[in-house]
């Protein structure tokens, strides 16, 4: 059964997004993530926020839900955004940078049973096995 997750976590220094930013290869302005204080300001101090679901992710969720007859996933596919708990971040310095993620993880053969091929987008940067960060997709043939 596929698993949908929506979560927030502390942006650690060894996070790939942070390593790419420090190497000067980030395509968006500013450091990755958001300040916990900014999220809490937006939510009025409530330790829960909303994460948007892209149309593509919703289509993927719907397809696997229909393949597996998963009514819970099917209900998620009808949403444009989902709640993300921040309760586990209580007590952290408000200047802590966090990231929020939504993901659909396939189990068993579900990933091969869906109709749309799962094409990996070209990488902005690649973290090599020795830890160095290089620009671009160092392994384009691994798609």
C-alpha atoms as a PDB file:
ATOM      1  CA  UNK A   1       0.000   0.000   0.000  1.00  0.00           C
ATOM      2  CA  UNK A   2       1.391   3.421  -0.979  1.00  0.00           C
ATOM      3  CA  UNK A   3       2.065   5.882   1.806  1.00  0.00           C
ATOM      4  CA  UNK A   4       1.468   9.629   1.633  1.00  0.00           C
ATOM      5  CA  UNK A   5       3.400  11.808   4.054  1.00  0.00           C
ATOM      6  CA  UNK A   6       3.283  15.527   4.804  1.00  0.00           C
ATOM      7  CA  UNK A   7       5.804  16.697   7.362  1.00  0.00           C
ATOM      8  CA  UNK A   8       8.052  19.485   8.579  1.00  0.00           C
ATOM      9  CA  UNK A   9      11.602  19.051   9.809  1.00  0.00           C
ATOM     10  CA  UNK A  10      14.571  21.112  10.890  1.00  0.00           C
ATOM     11  CA  UNK A  11      16.844  22.018   7.993  1.00  0.00           C
ATOM     12  CA  UNK A  12      20.123  20.409   9.043  1.00  0.00           C
ATOM     13  CA  UNK A  13      23.534  21.612   7.770  1.00  0.00           C
ATOM     14  CA  UNK A  14      24.095  18.310   5.941  1.00  0.00           C
ATOM     15  CA  UNK A  15      20.720  18.450   4.159  1.00  0.00           C
ATOM     16  CA  UNK A  16      21.299  18.276   0.382  1.00  0.00           C
ATOM     17  CA  UNK A  17      19.430  21.567  -0.155  1.00  0.00           C
ATOM     18  CA  UNK A  18      21.747  23.321   2.304  1.00  0.00           C
ATOM     19  CA  UNK A  19      24.876  21.780   0.768  1.00  0.00           C
ATOM     20  CA  UNK A  20      23.784  22.910  -2.709  1.00  0.00           C
ATOM     21  CA  UNK A  21      23.067  26.418  -1.373  1.00  0.00           C
ATOM     22  CA  UNK A  22      26.485  26.625   0.306  1.00  0.00           C
ATOM     23  CA  UNK A  23      28.125  25.559  -2.970  1.00  0.00           C
ATOM     24  CA  UNK A  24      26.424  28.537  -4.661  1.00  0.00           C
ATOM     25  CA  UNK A  25      24.332  26.359  -6.963  1.00  0.00           C
ATOM     26  CA  UNK A  26      20.822  27.067  -5.662  1.00  0.00           C
ATOM     27  CA  UNK A  27      18.495  28.367  -8.380  1.00  0.00           C
ATOM     28  CA  UNK A  28      16.155  30.212  -5.972  1.00  0.00           C
ATOM     29  CA  UNK A  29      17.168  33.355  -4.073  1.00  0.00           C
ATOM     30  CA  UNK A  30      18.075  33.041  -0.418  1.00  0.00           C
ATOM     31  CA  UNK A  31      18.774  30.026   1.749  1.00  0.00           C
ATOM     32  CA  UNK A  32      16.533  26.960   1.588  1.00  0.00           C
ATOM     33  CA  UNK A  33      13.673  26.445   3.988  1.00  0.00           C
ATOM     34  CA  UNK A  34      11.756  29.010   6.001  1.00  0.00           C
ATOM     35  CA  UNK A  35      12.154  30.440   9.469  1.00  0.00           C
ATOM     36  CA  UNK A  36       9.944  28.762  12.051  1.00  0.00           C
ATOM     37  CA  UNK A  37       9.067  32.278  13.280  1.00  0.00           C
ATOM     38  CA  UNK A  38       7.717  33.219   9.841  1.00  0.00           C
ATOM     39  CA  UNK A  39       5.501  30.134   9.722  1.00  0.00           C
ATOM     40  CA  UNK A  40       4.203  30.779  13.245  1.00  0.00           C
ATOM     41  CA  UNK A  41       3.515  34.411  12.330  1.00  0.00           C
ATOM     42  CA  UNK A  42       1.462  33.220   9.347  1.00  0.00           C
ATOM     43  CA  UNK A  43      -0.472  30.697  11.466  1.00  0.00           C
ATOM     44  CA  UNK A  44      -1.085  33.063  14.375  1.00  0.00           C
ATOM     45  CA  UNK A  45       1.162  31.013  16.661  1.00  0.00           C
ATOM     46  CA  UNK A  46      -0.574  27.719  15.910  1.00  0.00           C
ATOM     47  CA  UNK A  47       1.866  24.824  15.477  1.00  0.00           C
ATOM     48  CA  UNK A  48       0.182  23.579  12.319  1.00  0.00           C
ATOM     49  CA  UNK A  49       0.349  24.870   8.763  1.00  0.00           C
ATOM     50  CA  UNK A  50      -0.884  23.811   5.350  1.00  0.00           C
ATOM     51  CA  UNK A  51       1.130  22.392   2.460  1.00  0.00           C
ATOM     52  CA  UNK A  52      -0.100  22.688  -1.117  1.00  0.00           C
ATOM     53  CA  UNK A  53      -0.456  19.558  -3.243  1.00  0.00           C
ATOM     54  CA  UNK A  54       0.534  20.005  -6.871  1.00  0.00           C
ATOM     55  CA  UNK A  55      -1.886  18.762  -9.536  1.00  0.00           C
ATOM     56  CA  UNK A  56       0.698  16.173 -10.624  1.00  0.00           C
ATOM     57  CA  UNK A  57       1.088  14.786  -7.089  1.00  0.00           C
ATOM     58  CA  UNK A  58      -2.694  14.688  -6.697  1.00  0.00           C
ATOM     59  CA  UNK A  59      -2.975  12.753  -9.986  1.00  0.00           C
ATOM     60  CA  UNK A  60      -0.307  10.307  -8.809  1.00  0.00           C
ATOM     61  CA  UNK A  61      -2.077   9.825  -5.472  1.00  0.00           C
ATOM     62  CA  UNK A  62      -5.420   9.310  -7.216  1.00  0.00           C
ATOM     63  CA  UNK A  63      -3.994   6.743  -9.621  1.00  0.00           C
ATOM     64  CA  UNK A  64      -2.341   4.601  -6.956  1.00  0.00           C
ATOM     65  CA  UNK A  65      -5.434   4.956  -4.729  1.00  0.00           C
ATOM     66  CA  UNK A  66      -7.613   3.585  -7.516  1.00  0.00           C
ATOM     67  CA  UNK A  67      -5.138   0.771  -8.265  1.00  0.00           C
ATOM     68  CA  UNK A  68      -5.075  -0.304  -4.623  1.00  0.00           C
ATOM     69  CA  UNK A  69      -8.673   0.608  -3.661  1.00  0.00           C
ATOM     70  CA  UNK A  70      -7.338   2.882  -0.919  1.00  0.00           C
ATOM     71  CA  UNK A  71     -10.171   5.209   0.122  1.00  0.00           C
ATOM     72  CA  UNK A  72      -7.906   7.218   2.449  1.00  0.00           C
ATOM     73  CA  UNK A  73      -5.489   8.060  -0.389  1.00  0.00           C
ATOM     74  CA  UNK A  74      -8.405   8.796  -2.706  1.00  0.00           C
ATOM     75  CA  UNK A  75      -9.710  11.367  -0.209  1.00  0.00           C
ATOM     76  CA  UNK A  76      -6.251  13.011  -0.085  1.00  0.00           C
ATOM     77  CA  UNK A  77      -6.197  13.220  -3.906  1.00  0.00           C
ATOM     78  CA  UNK A  78      -9.265  15.476  -3.753  1.00  0.00           C
ATOM     79  CA  UNK A  79      -7.504  18.024  -1.527  1.00  0.00           C
ATOM     80  CA  UNK A  80      -5.513  21.006  -2.765  1.00  0.00           C
ATOM     81  CA  UNK A  81      -3.615  21.296   0.514  1.00  0.00           C
ATOM     82  CA  UNK A  82      -3.003  19.170   3.594  1.00  0.00           C
ATOM     83  CA  UNK A  83      -2.255  20.001   7.229  1.00  0.00           C
ATOM     84  CA  UNK A  84       1.322  19.713   8.463  1.00  0.00           C
ATOM     85  CA  UNK A  85       1.894  19.455  12.200  1.00  0.00           C
ATOM     86  CA  UNK A  86       4.632  21.583  13.712  1.00  0.00           C
ATOM     87  CA  UNK A  87       4.047  20.351  17.260  1.00  0.00           C
ATOM     88  CA  UNK A  88       7.341  18.467  17.368  1.00  0.00           C
ATOM     89  CA  UNK A  89       9.137  21.783  16.699  1.00  0.00           C
ATOM     90  CA  UNK A  90       7.785  23.418  19.873  1.00  0.00           C
ATOM     91  CA  UNK A  91      10.546  24.849  22.040  1.00  0.00           C
ATOM     92  CA  UNK A  92      12.978  25.393  19.160  1.00  0.00           C
ATOM     93  CA  UNK A  93      14.565  28.768  18.528  1.00  0.00           C
ATOM     94  CA  UNK A  94      12.166  30.680  16.236  1.00  0.00           C
ATOM     95  CA  UNK A  95      15.164  31.459  13.987  1.00  0.00           C
ATOM     96  CA  UNK A  96      15.459  27.750  13.164  1.00  0.00           C
ATOM     97  CA  UNK A  97      15.092  27.074   9.445  1.00  0.00           C
ATOM     98  CA  UNK A  98      12.633  24.322   8.596  1.00  0.00           C
ATOM     99  CA  UNK A  99      11.506  22.561   5.446  1.00  0.00           C
ATOM    100  CA  UNK A 100       8.100  21.113   4.680  1.00  0.00           C
ATOM    101  CA  UNK A 101       7.671  18.150   2.399  1.00  0.00           C
ATOM    102  CA  UNK A 102       4.878  16.126   0.840  1.00  0.00           C
ATOM    103  CA  UNK A 103       5.674  12.773  -0.700  1.00  0.00           C
ATOM    104  CA  UNK A 104       4.100   9.624  -2.017  1.00  0.00           C
ATOM    105  CA  UNK A 105       6.087   6.453  -1.364  1.00  0.00           C
ATOM    106  CA  UNK A 106       5.252   3.332  -3.311  1.00  0.00           C
ATOM    107  CA  UNK A 107       5.493  -0.139  -1.823  1.00  0.00           C
ATOM    108  CA  UNK A 108       5.988  -3.414  -3.629  1.00  0.00           C
ATOM    109  CA  UNK A 109       5.244  -3.201  -7.339  1.00  0.00           C
ATOM    110  CA  UNK A 110       2.932  -0.164  -7.114  1.00  0.00           C
ATOM    111  CA  UNK A 111       5.501   2.123  -8.696  1.00  0.00           C
ATOM    112  CA  UNK A 112       5.706   0.014 -11.840  1.00  0.00           C
ATOM    113  CA  UNK A 113       1.934  -0.446 -12.065  1.00  0.00           C
ATOM    114  CA  UNK A 114       1.129   3.243 -12.450  1.00  0.00           C
ATOM    115  CA  UNK A 115       0.654   4.536 -15.975  1.00  0.00           C
ATOM    116  CA  UNK A 116       2.911   7.579 -16.053  1.00  0.00           C
ATOM    117  CA  UNK A 117       6.609   6.813 -16.156  1.00  0.00           C
ATOM    118  CA  UNK A 118       8.414   8.308 -13.182  1.00  0.00           C
ATOM    119  CA  UNK A 119      10.952  10.504 -14.900  1.00  0.00           C
ATOM    120  CA  UNK A 120      13.528  12.097 -12.715  1.00  0.00           C
ATOM    121  CA  UNK A 121      14.005  15.805 -13.356  1.00  0.00           C
ATOM    122  CA  UNK A 122      17.542  16.852 -14.294  1.00  0.00           C
ATOM    123  CA  UNK A 123      19.504  17.737 -11.184  1.00  0.00           C
ATOM    124  CA  UNK A 124      20.574  21.312 -10.478  1.00  0.00           C
ATOM    125  CA  UNK A 125      23.577  19.870  -8.646  1.00  0.00           C
ATOM    126  CA  UNK A 126      24.903  16.475  -7.621  1.00  0.00           C
ATOM    127  CA  UNK A 127      26.474  15.531  -4.301  1.00  0.00           C
ATOM    128  CA  UNK A 128      29.230  13.086  -5.191  1.00  0.00           C
ATOM    129  CA  UNK A 129      30.134  10.028  -3.078  1.00  0.00           C
ATOM    130  CA  UNK A 130      33.173  11.894  -1.700  1.00  0.00           C
ATOM    131  CA  UNK A 131      30.894  14.739  -0.510  1.00  0.00           C
ATOM    132  CA  UNK A 132      31.808  17.340  -3.113  1.00  0.00           C
ATOM    133  CA  UNK A 133      28.986  19.231  -4.800  1.00  0.00           C
ATOM    134  CA  UNK A 134      29.124  19.645  -8.580  1.00  0.00           C
ATOM    135  CA  UNK A 135      26.849  21.647 -10.852  1.00  0.00           C
ATOM    136  CA  UNK A 136      24.344  19.760 -12.969  1.00  0.00           C
ATOM    137  CA  UNK A 137      23.342  16.148 -13.252  1.00  0.00           C
ATOM    138  CA  UNK A 138      26.500  14.064 -12.871  1.00  0.00           C
ATOM    139  CA  UNK A 139      24.583  10.874 -13.664  1.00  0.00           C
ATOM    140  CA  UNK A 140      22.094  11.757 -16.451  1.00  0.00           C
ATOM    141  CA  UNK A 141      22.041   8.153 -17.691  1.00  0.00           C
ATOM    142  CA  UNK A 142      20.597   6.947 -14.339  1.00  0.00           C
ATOM    143  CA  UNK A 143      17.064   8.056 -15.173  1.00  0.00           C
END
